[in-house]
Amino acid sequence: MDYNLQAIEQCRAAVAGQAGPIAAAGDGLPLDADAGAFGRLPASAALADAVRALATAAGTELDRAGALLGGVDRALDSIGTSVAGTERAATQSLTTA
């Protein structure tokens, strides 16, 4: 098989560059939204509850996405390391034979 190590590394670097920012995207979500932020409307409390629930769910999903991207980064790194090691071993066996 022929692997393009440069392409694997470029993909890994692109994924690694997104893992942190994706996970951090939920950091500023209004987890503590207060009913007073929506004025004195009869539905202010329900709206604040909905905003908190949405912010919590979105934050959880963004954290999960960041973790998944981190896993892809590690997997691609492992693949690149393994392929490079295999290629080195093959080259050495051809030159020392």
PDB file of N, CA and C in Angstrom:
ATOM      1  N   MET A   1       0.836  -1.188   0.000  1.00  0.00           N
ATOM      2  CA  MET A   1       0.000   0.000   0.000  1.00  0.00           C
ATOM      3  C   MET A   1       0.875   1.244   0.000  1.00  0.00           C
ATOM      4  N   ASP A   2       0.343   2.274  -0.574  1.00  0.00           N
ATOM      5  CA  ASP A   2       1.078   3.523  -0.646  1.00  0.00           C
ATOM      6  C   ASP A   2       0.311   4.577   0.161  1.00  0.00           C
ATOM      7  N   TYR A   3       0.957   5.121   1.185  1.00  0.00           N
ATOM      8  CA  TYR A   3       0.341   6.136   2.028  1.00  0.00           C
ATOM      9  C   TYR A   3       1.039   7.460   1.789  1.00  0.00           C
ATOM     10  N   ASN A   4       0.276   8.522   1.792  1.00  0.00           N
ATOM     11  CA  ASN A   4       0.840   9.854   1.658  1.00  0.00           C
ATOM     12  C   ASN A   4       0.963  10.433   3.073  1.00  0.00           C
ATOM     13  N   LEU A   5       2.156  10.304   3.654  1.00  0.00           N
ATOM     14  CA  LEU A   5       2.367  10.761   5.032  1.00  0.00           C
ATOM     15  C   LEU A   5       2.134  12.253   5.183  1.00  0.00           C
ATOM     16  N   GLN A   6       2.490  13.006   4.164  1.00  0.00           N
ATOM     17  CA  GLN A   6       2.285  14.457   4.237  1.00  0.00           C
ATOM     18  C   GLN A   6       0.789  14.782   4.311  1.00  0.00           C
ATOM     19  N   ALA A   7      -0.019  14.082   3.535  1.00  0.00           N
ATOM     20  CA  ALA A   7      -1.469  14.314   3.570  1.00  0.00           C
ATOM     21  C   ALA A   7      -2.058  13.916   4.918  1.00  0.00           C
ATOM     22  N   ILE A   8      -1.580  12.797   5.469  1.00  0.00           N
ATOM     23  CA  ILE A   8      -2.050  12.363   6.787  1.00  0.00           C
ATOM     24  C   ILE A   8      -1.706  13.421   7.830  1.00  0.00           C
ATOM     25  N   GLU A   9      -0.489  13.938   7.782  1.00  0.00           N
ATOM     26  CA  GLU A   9      -0.064  14.957   8.751  1.00  0.00           C
ATOM     27  C   GLU A   9      -0.835  16.259   8.566  1.00  0.00           C
ATOM     28  N   GLN A  10      -1.089  16.646   7.327  1.00  0.00           N
ATOM     29  CA  GLN A  10      -1.874  17.865   7.081  1.00  0.00           C
ATOM     30  C   GLN A  10      -3.289  17.718   7.623  1.00  0.00           C
ATOM     31  N   CYS A  11      -3.876  16.562   7.413  1.00  0.00           N
ATOM     32  CA  CYS A  11      -5.217  16.308   7.940  1.00  0.00           C
ATOM     33  C   CYS A  11      -5.196  16.333   9.463  1.00  0.00           C
ATOM     34  N   ARG A  12      -4.203  15.678  10.065  1.00  0.00           N
ATOM     35  CA  ARG A  12      -4.078  15.650  11.514  1.00  0.00           C
ATOM     36  C   ARG A  12      -3.929  17.059  12.076  1.00  0.00           C
ATOM     37  N   ALA A  13      -3.091  17.870  11.436  1.00  0.00           N
ATOM     38  CA  ALA A  13      -2.870  19.245  11.905  1.00  0.00           C
ATOM     39  C   ALA A  13      -4.153  20.079  11.792  1.00  0.00           C
ATOM     40  N   ALA A  14      -4.892  19.877  10.720  1.00  0.00           N
ATOM     41  CA  ALA A  14      -6.146  20.625  10.544  1.00  0.00           C
ATOM     42  C   ALA A  14      -7.154  20.240  11.626  1.00  0.00           C
ATOM     43  N   VAL A  15      -7.255  18.950  11.902  1.00  0.00           N
ATOM     44  CA  VAL A  15      -8.175  18.476  12.944  1.00  0.00           C
ATOM     45  C   VAL A  15      -7.727  18.984  14.307  1.00  0.00           C
ATOM     46  N   ALA A  16      -6.415  18.897  14.582  1.00  0.00           N
ATOM     47  CA  ALA A  16      -5.877  19.345  15.875  1.00  0.00           C
ATOM     48  C   ALA A  16      -6.155  20.831  16.090  1.00  0.00           C
ATOM     49  N   GLY A  17      -6.101  21.588  15.015  1.00  0.00           N
ATOM     50  CA  GLY A  17      -6.342  23.025  15.122  1.00  0.00           C
ATOM     51  C   GLY A  17      -7.784  23.387  15.415  1.00  0.00           C
ATOM     52  N   GLN A  18      -8.689  22.450  15.214  1.00  0.00           N
ATOM     53  CA  GLN A  18     -10.114  22.713  15.450  1.00  0.00           C
ATOM     54  C   GLN A  18     -10.633  22.147  16.764  1.00  0.00           C
ATOM     55  N   ALA A  19      -9.960  21.158  17.313  1.00  0.00           N
ATOM     56  CA  ALA A  19     -10.465  20.484  18.517  1.00  0.00           C
ATOM     57  C   ALA A  19     -10.670  21.451  19.679  1.00  0.00           C
ATOM     58  N   GLY A  20      -9.657  22.241  19.986  1.00  0.00           N
ATOM     59  CA  GLY A  20      -9.757  23.184  21.101  1.00  0.00           C
ATOM     60  C   GLY A  20     -10.797  24.265  20.885  1.00  0.00           C
ATOM     61  N   PRO A  21     -10.742  24.946  19.728  1.00  0.00           N
ATOM     62  CA  PRO A  21     -11.736  25.993  19.484  1.00  0.00           C
ATOM     63  C   PRO A  21     -13.178  25.484  19.482  1.00  0.00           C
ATOM     64  N   ILE A  22     -13.403  24.292  18.968  1.00  0.00           N
ATOM     65  CA  ILE A  22     -14.766  23.747  18.976  1.00  0.00           C
ATOM     66  C   ILE A  22     -15.227  23.524  20.417  1.00  0.00           C
ATOM     67  N   ALA A  23     -14.385  22.895  21.222  1.00  0.00           N
ATOM     68  CA  ALA A  23     -14.743  22.638  22.620  1.00  0.00           C
ATOM     69  C   ALA A  23     -14.942  23.949  23.383  1.00  0.00           C
ATOM     70  N   ALA A  24     -14.137  24.950  23.083  1.00  0.00           N
ATOM     71  CA  ALA A  24     -14.223  26.230  23.787  1.00  0.00           C
ATOM     72  C   ALA A  24     -15.398  27.080  23.316  1.00  0.00           C
ATOM     73  N   ALA A  25     -15.988  26.739  22.193  1.00  0.00           N
ATOM     74  CA  ALA A  25     -17.085  27.546  21.643  1.00  0.00           C
ATOM     75  C   ALA A  25     -18.269  27.638  22.604  1.00  0.00           C
ATOM     76  N   GLY A  26     -18.432  26.656  23.463  1.00  0.00           N
ATOM     77  CA  GLY A  26     -19.549  26.679  24.398  1.00  0.00           C
ATOM     78  C   GLY A  26     -19.258  27.373  25.710  1.00  0.00           C
ATOM     79  N   ASP A  27     -18.025  27.842  25.886  1.00  0.00           N
ATOM     80  CA  ASP A  27     -17.641  28.425  27.175  1.00  0.00           C
ATOM     81  C   ASP A  27     -18.431  29.677  27.552  1.00  0.00           C
ATOM     82  N   GLY A  28     -18.841  30.452  26.589  1.00  0.00           N
ATOM     83  CA  GLY A  28     -19.541  31.698  26.895  1.00  0.00           C
ATOM     84  C   GLY A  28     -21.055  31.595  26.838  1.00  0.00           C
ATOM     85  N   LEU A  29     -21.577  30.410  26.730  1.00  0.00           N
ATOM     86  CA  LEU A  29     -23.034  30.254  26.643  1.00  0.00           C
ATOM     87  C   LEU A  29     -23.687  30.610  27.975  1.00  0.00           C
ATOM     88  N   PRO A  30     -24.902  31.180  27.912  1.00  0.00           N
ATOM     89  CA  PRO A  30     -25.582  31.668  29.125  1.00  0.00           C
ATOM     90  C   PRO A  30     -26.197  30.551  29.972  1.00  0.00           C
ATOM     91  N   LEU A  31     -25.337  29.847  30.696  1.00  0.00           N
ATOM     92  CA  LEU A  31     -25.825  28.748  31.537  1.00  0.00           C
ATOM     93  C   LEU A  31     -26.613  29.253  32.746  1.00  0.00           C
ATOM     94  N   ASP A  32     -26.460  30.529  33.051  1.00  0.00           N
ATOM     95  CA  ASP A  32     -27.138  31.095  34.216  1.00  0.00           C
ATOM     96  C   ASP A  32     -28.121  32.201  33.818  1.00  0.00           C
ATOM     97  N   ALA A  33     -28.746  32.053  32.656  1.00  0.00           N
ATOM     98  CA  ALA A  33     -29.704  33.056  32.174  1.00  0.00           C
ATOM     99  C   ALA A  33     -30.795  33.278  33.230  1.00  0.00           C
ATOM    100  N   ASP A  34     -31.035  34.530  33.512  1.00  0.00           N
ATOM    101  CA  ASP A  34     -32.005  34.905  34.535  1.00  0.00           C
ATOM    102  C   ASP A  34     -33.281  35.413  33.872  1.00  0.00           C
ATOM    103  N   ALA A  35     -34.395  35.125  34.465  1.00  0.00           N
ATOM    104  CA  ALA A  35     -35.677  35.562  33.913  1.00  0.00           C
ATOM    105  C   ALA A  35     -35.729  37.074  33.771  1.00  0.00           C
ATOM    106  N   GLY A  36     -35.057  37.800  34.649  1.00  0.00           N
ATOM    107  CA  GLY A  36     -35.058  39.264  34.579  1.00  0.00           C
ATOM    108  C   GLY A  36     -34.453  39.793  33.293  1.00  0.00           C
ATOM    109  N   ALA A  37     -33.630  39.008  32.643  1.00  0.00           N
ATOM    110  CA  ALA A  37     -33.028  39.438  31.385  1.00  0.00           C
ATOM    111  C   ALA A  37     -34.074  39.574  30.288  1.00  0.00           C
ATOM    112  N   PHE A  38     -35.231  38.960  30.486  1.00  0.00           N
ATOM    113  CA  PHE A  38     -36.284  38.988  29.471  1.00  0.00           C
ATOM    114  C   PHE A  38     -37.439  39.903  29.869  1.00  0.00           C
ATOM    115  N   GLY A  39     -37.191  40.737  30.848  1.00  0.00           N
ATOM    116  CA  GLY A  39     -38.207  41.694  31.257  1.00  0.00           C
ATOM    117  C   GLY A  39     -39.253  41.080  32.169  1.00  0.00           C
ATOM    118  N   ARG A  40     -40.417  41.734  32.213  1.00  0.00           N
ATOM    119  CA  ARG A  40     -41.487  41.299  33.111  1.00  0.00           C
ATOM    120  C   ARG A  40     -42.590  40.542  32.382  1.00  0.00           C
ATOM    121  N   LEU A  41     -42.218  39.901  31.337  1.00  0.00           N
ATOM    122  CA  LEU A  41     -43.202  39.136  30.578  1.00  0.00           C
ATOM    123  C   LEU A  41     -43.639  37.915  31.386  1.00  0.00           C
ATOM    124  N   PRO A  42     -44.856  37.481  31.208  1.00  0.00           N
ATOM    125  CA  PRO A  42     -45.320  36.301  31.934  1.00  0.00           C
ATOM    126  C   PRO A  42     -44.490  35.051  31.623  1.00  0.00           C
ATOM    127  N   ALA A  43     -43.910  34.999  30.437  1.00  0.00           N
ATOM    128  CA  ALA A  43     -43.143  33.816  30.031  1.00  0.00           C
ATOM    129  C   ALA A  43     -41.640  33.978  30.264  1.00  0.00           C
ATOM    130  N   SER A  44     -41.230  35.019  30.979  1.00  0.00           N
ATOM    131  CA  SER A  44     -39.795  35.263  31.181  1.00  0.00           C
ATOM    132  C   SER A  44     -39.095  34.095  31.858  1.00  0.00           C
ATOM    133  N   ALA A  45     -39.702  33.517  32.880  1.00  0.00           N
ATOM    134  CA  ALA A  45     -39.081  32.398  33.592  1.00  0.00           C
ATOM    135  C   ALA A  45     -38.960  31.185  32.674  1.00  0.00           C
ATOM    136  N   ALA A  46     -40.005  30.916  31.911  1.00  0.00           N
ATOM    137  CA  ALA A  46     -39.968  29.768  30.993  1.00  0.00           C
ATOM    138  C   ALA A  46     -38.926  29.995  29.902  1.00  0.00           C
ATOM    139  N   LEU A  47     -38.824  31.224  29.419  1.00  0.00           N
ATOM    140  CA  LEU A  47     -37.835  31.544  28.396  1.00  0.00           C
ATOM    141  C   LEU A  47     -36.417  31.384  28.955  1.00  0.00           C
ATOM    142  N   ALA A  48     -36.188  31.849  30.165  1.00  0.00           N
ATOM    143  CA  ALA A  48     -34.872  31.698  30.800  1.00  0.00           C
ATOM    144  C   ALA A  48     -34.543  30.218  30.996  1.00  0.00           C
ATOM    145  N   ASP A  49     -35.529  29.424  31.389  1.00  0.00           N
ATOM    146  CA  ASP A  49     -35.312  27.975  31.529  1.00  0.00           C
ATOM    147  C   ASP A  49     -34.919  27.354  30.194  1.00  0.00           C
ATOM    148  N   ALA A  50     -35.611  27.766  29.134  1.00  0.00           N
ATOM    149  CA  ALA A  50     -35.323  27.224  27.801  1.00  0.00           C
ATOM    150  C   ALA A  50     -33.925  27.632  27.340  1.00  0.00           C
ATOM    151  N   VAL A  51     -33.537  28.865  27.605  1.00  0.00           N
ATOM    152  CA  VAL A  51     -32.201  29.334  27.224  1.00  0.00           C
ATOM    153  C   VAL A  51     -31.136  28.549  27.990  1.00  0.00           C
ATOM    154  N   ARG A  52     -31.347  28.347  29.284  1.00  0.00           N
ATOM    155  CA  ARG A  52     -30.387  27.558  30.077  1.00  0.00           C
ATOM    156  C   ARG A  52     -30.288  26.122  29.567  1.00  0.00           C
ATOM    157  N   ALA A  53     -31.416  25.522  29.243  1.00  0.00           N
ATOM    158  CA  ALA A  53     -31.417  24.140  28.733  1.00  0.00           C
ATOM    159  C   ALA A  53     -30.704  24.062  27.389  1.00  0.00           C
ATOM    160  N   LEU A  54     -30.963  25.021  26.526  1.00  0.00           N
ATOM    161  CA  LEU A  54     -30.294  25.051  25.221  1.00  0.00           C
ATOM    162  C   LEU A  54     -28.792  25.265  25.385  1.00  0.00           C
ATOM    163  N   ALA A  55     -28.404  26.183  26.249  1.00  0.00           N
ATOM    164  CA  ALA A  55     -26.984  26.457  26.472  1.00  0.00           C
ATOM    165  C   ALA A  55     -26.282  25.228  27.056  1.00  0.00           C
ATOM    166  N   THR A  56     -26.940  24.543  27.964  1.00  0.00           N
ATOM    167  CA  THR A  56     -26.353  23.337  28.558  1.00  0.00           C
ATOM    168  C   THR A  56     -26.185  22.246  27.500  1.00  0.00           C
ATOM    169  N   ALA A  57     -27.227  22.012  26.716  1.00  0.00           N
ATOM    170  CA  ALA A  57     -27.160  20.979  25.676  1.00  0.00           C
ATOM    171  C   ALA A  57     -26.109  21.325  24.622  1.00  0.00           C
ATOM    172  N   ALA A  58     -26.079  22.576  24.192  1.00  0.00           N
ATOM    173  CA  ALA A  58     -25.096  22.987  23.179  1.00  0.00           C
ATOM    174  C   ALA A  58     -23.681  22.867  23.729  1.00  0.00           C
ATOM    175  N   GLY A  59     -23.473  23.272  24.964  1.00  0.00           N
ATOM    176  CA  GLY A  59     -22.152  23.157  25.577  1.00  0.00           C
ATOM    177  C   GLY A  59     -21.690  21.723  25.667  1.00  0.00           C
ATOM    178  N   THR A  60     -22.599  20.843  26.043  1.00  0.00           N
ATOM    179  CA  THR A  60     -22.279  19.415  26.134  1.00  0.00           C
ATOM    180  C   THR A  60     -21.896  18.867  24.765  1.00  0.00           C
ATOM    181  N   GLU A  61     -22.662  19.207  23.745  1.00  0.00           N
ATOM    182  CA  GLU A  61     -22.378  18.719  22.394  1.00  0.00           C
ATOM    183  C   GLU A  61     -21.077  19.300  21.844  1.00  0.00           C
ATOM    184  N   LEU A  62     -20.799  20.555  22.124  1.00  0.00           N
ATOM    185  CA  LEU A  62     -19.539  21.153  21.668  1.00  0.00           C
ATOM    186  C   LEU A  62     -18.345  20.503  22.369  1.00  0.00           C
ATOM    187  N   ASP A  63     -18.483  20.219  23.655  1.00  0.00           N
ATOM    188  CA  ASP A  63     -17.421  19.506  24.374  1.00  0.00           C
ATOM    189  C   ASP A  63     -17.205  18.122  23.771  1.00  0.00           C
ATOM    190  N   ARG A  64     -18.297  17.445  23.467  1.00  0.00           N
ATOM    191  CA  ARG A  64     -18.211  16.106  22.866  1.00  0.00           C
ATOM    192  C   ARG A  64     -17.537  16.186  21.494  1.00  0.00           C
ATOM    193  N   ALA A  65     -17.899  17.175  20.696  1.00  0.00           N
ATOM    194  CA  ALA A  65     -17.286  17.339  19.369  1.00  0.00           C
ATOM    195  C   ALA A  65     -15.790  17.604  19.501  1.00  0.00           C
ATOM    196  N   GLY A  66     -15.402  18.438  20.459  1.00  0.00           N
ATOM    197  CA  GLY A  66     -13.982  18.696  20.691  1.00  0.00           C
ATOM    198  C   GLY A  66     -13.237  17.436  21.082  1.00  0.00           C
ATOM    199  N   ALA A  67     -13.863  16.616  21.929  1.00  0.00           N
ATOM    200  CA  ALA A  67     -13.235  15.360  22.347  1.00  0.00           C
ATOM    201  C   ALA A  67     -13.108  14.391  21.174  1.00  0.00           C
ATOM    202  N   LEU A  68     -14.133  14.329  20.335  1.00  0.00           N
ATOM    203  CA  LEU A  68     -14.065  13.459  19.160  1.00  0.00           C
ATOM    204  C   LEU A  68     -12.958  13.910  18.205  1.00  0.00           C
ATOM    205  N   LEU A  69     -12.851  15.207  17.986  1.00  0.00           N
ATOM    206  CA  LEU A  69     -11.777  15.717  17.130  1.00  0.00           C
ATOM    207  C   LEU A  69     -10.414  15.417  17.732  1.00  0.00           C
ATOM    208  N   GLY A  70     -10.314  15.501  19.057  1.00  0.00           N
ATOM    209  CA  GLY A  70      -9.063  15.128  19.721  1.00  0.00           C
ATOM    210  C   GLY A  70      -8.733  13.667  19.476  1.00  0.00           C
ATOM    211  N   GLY A  71      -9.739  12.806  19.489  1.00  0.00           N
ATOM    212  CA  GLY A  71      -9.537  11.389  19.206  1.00  0.00           C
ATOM    213  C   GLY A  71      -9.100  11.151  17.767  1.00  0.00           C
ATOM    214  N   VAL A  72      -9.683  11.890  16.837  1.00  0.00           N
ATOM    215  CA  VAL A  72      -9.274  11.780  15.434  1.00  0.00           C
ATOM    216  C   VAL A  72      -7.828  12.234  15.279  1.00  0.00           C
ATOM    217  N   ASP A  73      -7.468  13.318  15.957  1.00  0.00           N
ATOM    218  CA  ASP A  73      -6.087  13.813  15.932  1.00  0.00           C
ATOM    219  C   ASP A  73      -5.125  12.722  16.398  1.00  0.00           C
ATOM    220  N   ARG A  74      -5.425  12.108  17.532  1.00  0.00           N
ATOM    221  CA  ARG A  74      -4.550  11.058  18.068  1.00  0.00           C
ATOM    222  C   ARG A  74      -4.493   9.844  17.148  1.00  0.00           C
ATOM    223  N   ALA A  75      -5.625   9.482  16.547  1.00  0.00           N
ATOM    224  CA  ALA A  75      -5.650   8.332  15.637  1.00  0.00           C
ATOM    225  C   ALA A  75      -4.814   8.605  14.394  1.00  0.00           C
ATOM    226  N   LEU A  76      -4.958   9.791  13.825  1.00  0.00           N
ATOM    227  CA  LEU A  76      -4.157  10.135  12.646  1.00  0.00           C
ATOM    228  C   LEU A  76      -2.675  10.195  12.991  1.00  0.00           C
ATOM    229  N   ASP A  77      -2.356  10.693  14.172  1.00  0.00           N
ATOM    230  CA  ASP A  77      -0.961  10.720  14.600  1.00  0.00           C
ATOM    231  C   ASP A  77      -0.422   9.296  14.719  1.00  0.00           C
ATOM    232  N   SER A  78      -1.213   8.413  15.283  1.00  0.00           N
ATOM    233  CA  SER A  78      -0.805   7.020  15.432  1.00  0.00           C
ATOM    234  C   SER A  78      -0.604   6.357  14.074  1.00  0.00           C
ATOM    235  N   ILE A  79      -1.502   6.619  13.143  1.00  0.00           N
ATOM    236  CA  ILE A  79      -1.376   6.065  11.789  1.00  0.00           C
ATOM    237  C   ILE A  79      -0.095   6.567  11.141  1.00  0.00           C
ATOM    238  N   GLY A  80       0.133   7.872  11.201  1.00  0.00           N
ATOM    239  CA  GLY A  80       1.347   8.445  10.607  1.00  0.00           C
ATOM    240  C   GLY A  80       2.605   7.869  11.217  1.00  0.00           C
ATOM    241  N   THR A  81       2.618   7.732  12.534  1.00  0.00           N
ATOM    242  CA  THR A  81       3.786   7.173  13.224  1.00  0.00           C
ATOM    243  C   THR A  81       4.000   5.718  12.818  1.00  0.00           C
ATOM    244  N   SER A  82       2.940   4.958  12.754  1.00  0.00           N
ATOM    245  CA  SER A  82       3.033   3.547  12.385  1.00  0.00           C
ATOM    246  C   SER A  82       3.517   3.371  10.950  1.00  0.00           C
ATOM    247  N   VAL A  83       2.947   4.135  10.040  1.00  0.00           N
ATOM    248  CA  VAL A  83       3.344   4.034   8.633  1.00  0.00           C
ATOM    249  C   VAL A  83       4.799   4.453   8.458  1.00  0.00           C
ATOM    250  N   ALA A  84       5.185   5.529   9.103  1.00  0.00           N
ATOM    251  CA  ALA A  84       6.575   5.986   8.999  1.00  0.00           C
ATOM    252  C   ALA A  84       7.526   4.927   9.550  1.00  0.00           C
ATOM    253  N   GLY A  85       7.168   4.316  10.658  1.00  0.00           N
ATOM    254  CA  GLY A  85       8.000   3.260  11.242  1.00  0.00           C
ATOM    255  C   GLY A  85       8.095   2.050  10.332  1.00  0.00           C
ATOM    256  N   THR A  86       6.997   1.674   9.738  1.00  0.00           N
ATOM    257  CA  THR A  86       6.986   0.539   8.815  1.00  0.00           C
ATOM    258  C   THR A  86       7.846   0.835   7.588  1.00  0.00           C
ATOM    259  N   GLU A  87       7.730   2.060   7.069  1.00  0.00           N
ATOM    260  CA  GLU A  87       8.536   2.431   5.914  1.00  0.00           C
ATOM    261  C   GLU A  87      10.024   2.443   6.251  1.00  0.00           C
ATOM    262  N   ARG A  88      10.366   2.940   7.438  1.00  0.00           N
ATOM    263  CA  ARG A  88      11.774   2.937   7.865  1.00  0.00           C
ATOM    264  C   ARG A  88      12.304   1.515   7.974  1.00  0.00           C
ATOM    265  N   ALA A  89      11.525   0.642   8.579  1.00  0.00           N
ATOM    266  CA  ALA A  89      11.940  -0.755   8.741  1.00  0.00           C
ATOM    267  C   ALA A  89      12.117  -1.429   7.389  1.00  0.00           C
ATOM    268  N   ALA A  90      11.201  -1.157   6.484  1.00  0.00           N
ATOM    269  CA  ALA A  90      11.294  -1.757   5.145  1.00  0.00           C
ATOM    270  C   ALA A  90      12.530  -1.248   4.415  1.00  0.00           C
ATOM    271  N   THR A  91      12.799   0.034   4.527  1.00  0.00           N
ATOM    272  CA  THR A  91      13.972   0.621   3.884  1.00  0.00           C
ATOM    273  C   THR A  91      15.240   0.032   4.465  1.00  0.00           C
ATOM    274  N   GLN A  92      15.278  -0.100   5.784  1.00  0.00           N
ATOM    275  CA  GLN A  92      16.470  -0.662   6.440  1.00  0.00           C
ATOM    276  C   GLN A  92      16.687  -2.121   6.038  1.00  0.00           C
ATOM    277  N   SER A  93      15.593  -2.863   5.923  1.00  0.00           N
ATOM    278  CA  SER A  93      15.752  -4.282   5.550  1.00  0.00           C
ATOM    279  C   SER A  93      16.256  -4.418   4.118  1.00  0.00           C
ATOM    280  N   LEU A  94      15.919  -3.482   3.260  1.00  0.00           N
ATOM    281  CA  LEU A  94      16.403  -3.534   1.885  1.00  0.00           C
ATOM    282  C   LEU A  94      17.863  -3.108   1.770  1.00  0.00           C
ATOM    283  N   THR A  95      18.285  -2.196   2.625  1.00  0.00           N
ATOM    284  CA  THR A  95      19.655  -1.691   2.539  1.00  0.00           C
ATOM    285  C   THR A  95      20.658  -2.556   3.309  1.00  0.00           C
ATOM    286  N   THR A  96      20.173  -3.373   4.249  1.00  0.00           N
ATOM    287  CA  THR A  96      21.086  -4.208   5.023  1.00  0.00           C
ATOM    288  C   THR A  96      21.091  -5.654   4.551  1.00  0.00           C
ATOM    289  N   ALA A  97      20.301  -5.957   3.587  1.00  0.00           N
ATOM    290  CA  ALA A  97      20.213  -7.343   3.111  1.00  0.00           C
ATOM    291  C   ALA A  97      21.343  -7.699   2.189  1.00  0.00           C
TER     292      ALA A  97
END
